[in-house]
Amino acid sequence: MSVAFGAVLGQKDDPDDFVKRLLGAAESKYESKFKSVEDLPEEYLSRVFEHHGWEVSVKDQEVRKVSEDNG
């Protein structure tokens, strides 16, 4: 799932700042230190994807953009 995260980063003007803020928010939520996006819990990444209009299928191990017609 962290590999597909590049698609979300592509939507950001400042990807480095976004990752920094994302890691900080996750650290506050989980009271744990995360060094990179790869270290984040899958359920947290799933919510980030969904917030940005992506659909996550854990069963199929896929992340795909939600189309305007479907969602």
PDB file of N, CA and C in Angstrom:
ATOM      1  N   MET A   1       0.818  -1.185   0.000  1.00  0.00           N
ATOM      2  CA  MET A   1       0.000   0.000   0.000  1.00  0.00           C
ATOM      3  C   MET A   1       0.864   1.253   0.000  1.00  0.00           C
ATOM      4  N   SER A   2       1.998   1.187   0.661  1.00  0.00           N
ATOM      5  CA  SER A   2       2.865   2.371   0.699  1.00  0.00           C
ATOM      6  C   SER A   2       3.442   2.684  -0.674  1.00  0.00           C
ATOM      7  N   VAL A   3       3.556   1.671  -1.544  1.00  0.00           N
ATOM      8  CA  VAL A   3       4.053   1.893  -2.898  1.00  0.00           C
ATOM      9  C   VAL A   3       3.063   2.754  -3.679  1.00  0.00           C
ATOM     10  N   ALA A   4       1.782   2.492  -3.530  1.00  0.00           N
ATOM     11  CA  ALA A   4       0.746   3.262  -4.215  1.00  0.00           C
ATOM     12  C   ALA A   4       0.609   4.674  -3.652  1.00  0.00           C
ATOM     13  N   PHE A   5       1.223   4.924  -2.534  1.00  0.00           N
ATOM     14  CA  PHE A   5       1.113   6.231  -1.885  1.00  0.00           C
ATOM     15  C   PHE A   5       1.656   7.357  -2.763  1.00  0.00           C
ATOM     16  N   GLY A   6       2.539   7.035  -3.691  1.00  0.00           N
ATOM     17  CA  GLY A   6       3.069   8.038  -4.612  1.00  0.00           C
ATOM     18  C   GLY A   6       1.966   8.752  -5.377  1.00  0.00           C
ATOM     19  N   ALA A   7       0.852   8.079  -5.614  1.00  0.00           N
ATOM     20  CA  ALA A   7      -0.277   8.705  -6.312  1.00  0.00           C
ATOM     21  C   ALA A   7      -0.857   9.847  -5.482  1.00  0.00           C
ATOM     22  N   VAL A   8      -0.946   9.665  -4.177  1.00  0.00           N
ATOM     23  CA  VAL A   8      -1.434  10.735  -3.302  1.00  0.00           C
ATOM     24  C   VAL A   8      -0.421  11.877  -3.286  1.00  0.00           C
ATOM     25  N   LEU A   9       0.849  11.529  -3.201  1.00  0.00           N
ATOM     26  CA  LEU A   9       1.886  12.565  -3.185  1.00  0.00           C
ATOM     27  C   LEU A   9       1.864  13.396  -4.468  1.00  0.00           C
ATOM     28  N   GLY A  10       1.510  12.765  -5.565  1.00  0.00           N
ATOM     29  CA  GLY A  10       1.427  13.472  -6.834  1.00  0.00           C
ATOM     30  C   GLY A  10       0.361  14.555  -6.851  1.00  0.00           C
ATOM     31  N   GLN A  11      -0.573  14.498  -5.911  1.00  0.00           N
ATOM     32  CA  GLN A  11      -1.637  15.490  -5.809  1.00  0.00           C
ATOM     33  C   GLN A  11      -1.224  16.683  -4.946  1.00  0.00           C
ATOM     34  N   LYS A  12      -0.071  16.629  -4.341  1.00  0.00           N
ATOM     35  CA  LYS A  12       0.359  17.650  -3.388  1.00  0.00           C
ATOM     36  C   LYS A  12       1.358  18.620  -4.006  1.00  0.00           C
ATOM     37  N   ASP A  13       1.215  19.902  -3.647  1.00  0.00           N
ATOM     38  CA  ASP A  13       2.162  20.919  -4.100  1.00  0.00           C
ATOM     39  C   ASP A  13       3.530  20.734  -3.457  1.00  0.00           C
ATOM     40  N   ASP A  14       3.528  20.320  -2.187  1.00  0.00           N
ATOM     41  CA  ASP A  14       4.774  20.120  -1.442  1.00  0.00           C
ATOM     42  C   ASP A  14       4.744  18.737  -0.788  1.00  0.00           C
ATOM     43  N   PRO A  15       5.086  17.693  -1.535  1.00  0.00           N
ATOM     44  CA  PRO A  15       5.003  16.323  -1.010  1.00  0.00           C
ATOM     45  C   PRO A  15       5.821  16.094   0.261  1.00  0.00           C
ATOM     46  N   ASP A  16       7.004  16.702   0.353  1.00  0.00           N
ATOM     47  CA  ASP A  16       7.838  16.503   1.546  1.00  0.00           C
ATOM     48  C   ASP A  16       7.153  17.049   2.792  1.00  0.00           C
ATOM     49  N   ASP A  17       6.541  18.213   2.666  1.00  0.00           N
ATOM     50  CA  ASP A  17       5.825  18.801   3.804  1.00  0.00           C
ATOM     51  C   ASP A  17       4.619  17.945   4.168  1.00  0.00           C
ATOM     52  N   PHE A  18       3.913  17.437   3.161  1.00  0.00           N
ATOM     53  CA  PHE A  18       2.755  16.580   3.418  1.00  0.00           C
ATOM     54  C   PHE A  18       3.169  15.337   4.197  1.00  0.00           C
ATOM     55  N   VAL A  19       4.249  14.686   3.771  1.00  0.00           N
ATOM     56  CA  VAL A  19       4.718  13.485   4.464  1.00  0.00           C
ATOM     57  C   VAL A  19       5.113  13.823   5.900  1.00  0.00           C
ATOM     58  N   LYS A  20       5.785  14.938   6.090  1.00  0.00           N
ATOM     59  CA  LYS A  20       6.189  15.360   7.439  1.00  0.00           C
ATOM     60  C   LYS A  20       4.964  15.551   8.338  1.00  0.00           C
ATOM     61  N   ARG A  21       3.944  16.226   7.804  1.00  0.00           N
ATOM     62  CA  ARG A  21       2.720  16.444   8.593  1.00  0.00           C
ATOM     63  C   ARG A  21       1.974  15.140   8.829  1.00  0.00           C
ATOM     64  N   LEU A  22       1.940  14.258   7.828  1.00  0.00           N
ATOM     65  CA  LEU A  22       1.268  12.972   7.952  1.00  0.00           C
ATOM     66  C   LEU A  22       1.923  12.120   9.028  1.00  0.00           C
ATOM     67  N   LEU A  23       3.254  12.043   9.001  1.00  0.00           N
ATOM     68  CA  LEU A  23       3.968  11.266  10.022  1.00  0.00           C
ATOM     69  C   LEU A  23       3.734  11.851  11.411  1.00  0.00           C
ATOM     70  N   GLY A  24       3.737  13.182  11.508  1.00  0.00           N
ATOM     71  CA  GLY A  24       3.484  13.828  12.792  1.00  0.00           C
ATOM     72  C   GLY A  24       2.096  13.519  13.326  1.00  0.00           C
ATOM     73  N   ALA A  25       1.096  13.544  12.439  1.00  0.00           N
ATOM     74  CA  ALA A  25      -0.275  13.240  12.856  1.00  0.00           C
ATOM     75  C   ALA A  25      -0.403  11.779  13.302  1.00  0.00           C
ATOM     76  N   ALA A  26       0.252  10.881  12.575  1.00  0.00           N
ATOM     77  CA  ALA A  26       0.216   9.462  12.945  1.00  0.00           C
ATOM     78  C   ALA A  26       0.927   9.229  14.279  1.00  0.00           C
ATOM     79  N   GLU A  27       2.028   9.926  14.488  1.00  0.00           N
ATOM     80  CA  GLU A  27       2.750   9.789  15.756  1.00  0.00           C
ATOM     81  C   GLU A  27       1.883  10.233  16.923  1.00  0.00           C
ATOM     82  N   SER A  28       1.132  11.314  16.737  1.00  0.00           N
ATOM     83  CA  SER A  28       0.230  11.782  17.791  1.00  0.00           C
ATOM     84  C   SER A  28      -0.885  10.775  18.038  1.00  0.00           C
ATOM     85  N   LYS A  29      -1.457  10.238  16.963  1.00  0.00           N
ATOM     86  CA  LYS A  29      -2.569   9.298  17.093  1.00  0.00           C
ATOM     87  C   LYS A  29      -2.140   7.993  17.756  1.00  0.00           C
ATOM     88  N   TYR A  30      -1.032   7.451  17.347  1.00  0.00           N
ATOM     89  CA  TYR A  30      -0.599   6.141  17.824  1.00  0.00           C
ATOM     90  C   TYR A  30       0.425   6.198  18.950  1.00  0.00           C
ATOM     91  N   GLU A  31       0.854   7.410  19.301  1.00  0.00           N
ATOM     92  CA  GLU A  31       1.869   7.591  20.339  1.00  0.00           C
ATOM     93  C   GLU A  31       3.085   6.702  20.067  1.00  0.00           C
ATOM     94  N   SER A  32       3.521   6.745  18.816  1.00  0.00           N
ATOM     95  CA  SER A  32       4.651   5.940  18.362  1.00  0.00           C
ATOM     96  C   SER A  32       5.405   6.735  17.307  1.00  0.00           C
ATOM     97  N   LYS A  33       6.675   6.467  17.141  1.00  0.00           N
ATOM     98  CA  LYS A  33       7.514   7.171  16.174  1.00  0.00           C
ATOM     99  C   LYS A  33       7.519   6.416  14.851  1.00  0.00           C
ATOM    100  N   PHE A  34       7.272   7.148  13.750  1.00  0.00           N
ATOM    101  CA  PHE A  34       7.312   6.571  12.414  1.00  0.00           C
ATOM    102  C   PHE A  34       8.367   7.308  11.609  1.00  0.00           C
ATOM    103  N   LYS A  35       9.261   6.560  10.971  1.00  0.00           N
ATOM    104  CA  LYS A  35      10.349   7.165  10.200  1.00  0.00           C
ATOM    105  C   LYS A  35       9.958   7.429   8.755  1.00  0.00           C
ATOM    106  N   SER A  36       9.005   6.656   8.235  1.00  0.00           N
ATOM    107  CA  SER A  36       8.617   6.813   6.838  1.00  0.00           C
ATOM    108  C   SER A  36       7.175   6.345   6.647  1.00  0.00           C
ATOM    109  N   VAL A  37       6.637   6.604   5.472  1.00  0.00           N
ATOM    110  CA  VAL A  37       5.285   6.172   5.139  1.00  0.00           C
ATOM    111  C   VAL A  37       5.179   4.650   5.220  1.00  0.00           C
ATOM    112  N   GLU A  38       6.232   3.952   4.854  1.00  0.00           N
ATOM    113  CA  GLU A  38       6.235   2.485   4.897  1.00  0.00           C
ATOM    114  C   GLU A  38       6.011   1.941   6.311  1.00  0.00           C
ATOM    115  N   ASP A  39       6.326   2.741   7.321  1.00  0.00           N
ATOM    116  CA  ASP A  39       6.172   2.307   8.708  1.00  0.00           C
ATOM    117  C   ASP A  39       4.751   2.509   9.243  1.00  0.00           C
ATOM    118  N   LEU A  40       3.919   3.255   8.525  1.00  0.00           N
ATOM    119  CA  LEU A  40       2.574   3.575   9.019  1.00  0.00           C
ATOM    120  C   LEU A  40       1.672   2.345   8.993  1.00  0.00           C
ATOM    121  N   PRO A  41       0.759   2.254   9.957  1.00  0.00           N
ATOM    122  CA  PRO A  41      -0.204   1.143   9.953  1.00  0.00           C
ATOM    123  C   PRO A  41      -1.082   1.193   8.698  1.00  0.00           C
ATOM    124  N   GLU A  42      -1.423   0.030   8.167  1.00  0.00           N
ATOM    125  CA  GLU A  42      -2.229  -0.042   6.949  1.00  0.00           C
ATOM    126  C   GLU A  42      -3.580   0.638   7.115  1.00  0.00           C
ATOM    127  N   GLU A  43      -4.196   0.496   8.274  1.00  0.00           N
ATOM    128  CA  GLU A  43      -5.517   1.122   8.466  1.00  0.00           C
ATOM    129  C   GLU A  43      -5.411   2.640   8.411  1.00  0.00           C
ATOM    130  N   TYR A  44      -4.298   3.190   8.847  1.00  0.00           N
ATOM    131  CA  TYR A  44      -4.092   4.637   8.784  1.00  0.00           C
ATOM    132  C   TYR A  44      -3.910   5.071   7.322  1.00  0.00           C
ATOM    133  N   LEU A  45      -3.096   4.335   6.584  1.00  0.00           N
ATOM    134  CA  LEU A  45      -2.899   4.634   5.168  1.00  0.00           C
ATOM    135  C   LEU A  45      -4.209   4.486   4.391  1.00  0.00           C
ATOM    136  N   SER A  46      -5.017   3.507   4.737  1.00  0.00           N
ATOM    137  CA  SER A  46      -6.305   3.333   4.074  1.00  0.00           C
ATOM    138  C   SER A  46      -7.166   4.574   4.216  1.00  0.00           C
ATOM    139  N   ARG A  47      -7.184   5.150   5.405  1.00  0.00           N
ATOM    140  CA  ARG A  47      -7.990   6.366   5.621  1.00  0.00           C
ATOM    141  C   ARG A  47      -7.424   7.546   4.845  1.00  0.00           C
ATOM    142  N   VAL A  48      -6.101   7.617   4.734  1.00  0.00           N
ATOM    143  CA  VAL A  48      -5.487   8.699   3.949  1.00  0.00           C
ATOM    144  C   VAL A  48      -5.897   8.564   2.482  1.00  0.00           C
ATOM    145  N   PHE A  49      -5.818   7.341   1.948  1.00  0.00           N
ATOM    146  CA  PHE A  49      -6.232   7.115   0.565  1.00  0.00           C
ATOM    147  C   PHE A  49      -7.693   7.500   0.364  1.00  0.00           C
ATOM    148  N   GLU A  50      -8.553   7.027   1.236  1.00  0.00           N
ATOM    149  CA  GLU A  50      -9.977   7.298   1.101  1.00  0.00           C
ATOM    150  C   GLU A  50     -10.263   8.795   1.181  1.00  0.00           C
ATOM    151  N   HIS A  51      -9.564   9.491   2.037  1.00  0.00           N
ATOM    152  CA  HIS A  51      -9.721  10.944   2.157  1.00  0.00           C
ATOM    153  C   HIS A  51      -9.373  11.646   0.843  1.00  0.00           C
ATOM    154  N   HIS A  52      -8.447  11.083   0.097  1.00  0.00           N
ATOM    155  CA  HIS A  52      -8.003  11.685  -1.165  1.00  0.00           C
ATOM    156  C   HIS A  52      -8.705  11.091  -2.391  1.00  0.00           C
ATOM    157  N   GLY A  53      -9.800  10.343  -2.160  1.00  0.00           N
ATOM    158  CA  GLY A  53     -10.602   9.837  -3.262  1.00  0.00           C
ATOM    159  C   GLY A  53     -10.134   8.544  -3.884  1.00  0.00           C
ATOM    160  N   TRP A  54      -9.393   7.750  -3.120  1.00  0.00           N
ATOM    161  CA  TRP A  54      -8.911   6.459  -3.614  1.00  0.00           C
ATOM    162  C   TRP A  54      -9.633   5.350  -2.870  1.00  0.00           C
ATOM    163  N   GLU A  55      -9.864   4.246  -3.543  1.00  0.00           N
ATOM    164  CA  GLU A  55     -10.503   3.082  -2.953  1.00  0.00           C
ATOM    165  C   GLU A  55      -9.435   2.047  -2.642  1.00  0.00           C
ATOM    166  N   VAL A  56      -9.504   1.459  -1.465  1.00  0.00           N
ATOM    167  CA  VAL A  56      -8.515   0.469  -1.051  1.00  0.00           C
ATOM    168  C   VAL A  56      -9.205  -0.881  -0.903  1.00  0.00           C
ATOM    169  N   SER A  57      -8.657  -1.891  -1.541  1.00  0.00           N
ATOM    170  CA  SER A  57      -9.147  -3.254  -1.403  1.00  0.00           C
ATOM    171  C   SER A  57      -8.036  -4.083  -0.763  1.00  0.00           C
ATOM    172  N   VAL A  58      -8.181  -4.357   0.511  1.00  0.00           N
ATOM    173  CA  VAL A  58      -7.179  -5.149   1.214  1.00  0.00           C
ATOM    174  C   VAL A  58      -7.178  -6.579   0.675  1.00  0.00           C
ATOM    175  N   LYS A  59      -8.364  -7.085   0.368  1.00  0.00           N
ATOM    176  CA  LYS A  59      -8.484  -8.444  -0.151  1.00  0.00           C
ATOM    177  C   LYS A  59      -7.699  -8.600  -1.455  1.00  0.00           C
ATOM    178  N   ASP A  60      -7.875  -7.650  -2.390  1.00  0.00           N
ATOM    179  CA  ASP A  60      -7.196  -7.718  -3.686  1.00  0.00           C
ATOM    180  C   ASP A  60      -5.822  -7.055  -3.667  1.00  0.00           C
ATOM    181  N   GLN A  61      -5.484  -6.421  -2.559  1.00  0.00           N
ATOM    182  CA  GLN A  61      -4.244  -5.671  -2.420  1.00  0.00           C
ATOM    183  C   GLN A  61      -4.103  -4.637  -3.535  1.00  0.00           C
ATOM    184  N   GLU A  62      -5.193  -3.883  -3.749  1.00  0.00           N
ATOM    185  CA  GLU A  62      -5.221  -2.856  -4.785  1.00  0.00           C
ATOM    186  C   GLU A  62      -5.640  -1.520  -4.215  1.00  0.00           C
ATOM    187  N   VAL A  63      -5.140  -0.482  -4.836  1.00  0.00           N
ATOM    188  CA  VAL A  63      -5.560   0.874  -4.548  1.00  0.00           C
ATOM    189  C   VAL A  63      -5.917   1.479  -5.892  1.00  0.00           C
ATOM    190  N   ARG A  64      -7.149   1.978  -6.015  1.00  0.00           N
ATOM    191  CA  ARG A  64      -7.558   2.568  -7.287  1.00  0.00           C
ATOM    192  C   ARG A  64      -8.375   3.824  -7.049  1.00  0.00           C
ATOM    193  N   LYS A  65      -8.310   4.729  -8.013  1.00  0.00           N
ATOM    194  CA  LYS A  65      -9.019   5.991  -7.917  1.00  0.00           C
ATOM    195  C   LYS A  65     -10.510   5.732  -8.040  1.00  0.00           C
ATOM    196  N   VAL A  66     -11.288   6.381  -7.168  1.00  0.00           N
ATOM    197  CA  VAL A  66     -12.740   6.284  -7.232  1.00  0.00           C
ATOM    198  C   VAL A  66     -13.202   7.165  -8.377  1.00  0.00           C
ATOM    199  N   SER A  67     -13.963   6.603  -9.303  1.00  0.00           N
ATOM    200  CA  SER A  67     -14.440   7.395 -10.436  1.00  0.00           C
ATOM    201  C   SER A  67     -15.576   8.294  -9.994  1.00  0.00           C
ATOM    202  N   GLU A  68     -15.796   9.350 -10.743  1.00  0.00           N
ATOM    203  CA  GLU A  68     -16.885  10.284 -10.449  1.00  0.00           C
ATOM    204  C   GLU A  68     -18.225   9.573 -10.462  1.00  0.00           C
ATOM    205  N   ASP A  69     -18.391   8.572 -11.329  1.00  0.00           N
ATOM    206  CA  ASP A  69     -19.648   7.849 -11.442  1.00  0.00           C
ATOM    207  C   ASP A  69     -19.896   6.891 -10.282  1.00  0.00           C
ATOM    208  N   ASN A  70     -18.808   6.367  -9.699  1.00  0.00           N
ATOM    209  CA  ASN A  70     -18.948   5.364  -8.642  1.00  0.00           C
ATOM    210  C   ASN A  70     -18.815   5.895  -7.239  1.00  0.00           C
ATOM    211  N   GLY A  71     -18.445   7.113  -7.081  1.00  0.00           N
ATOM    212  CA  GLY A  71     -18.265   7.435  -5.712  1.00  0.00           C
ATOM    213  C   GLY A  71     -17.968   8.765  -5.345  1.00  0.00           C
TER     214      GLY A  71
END
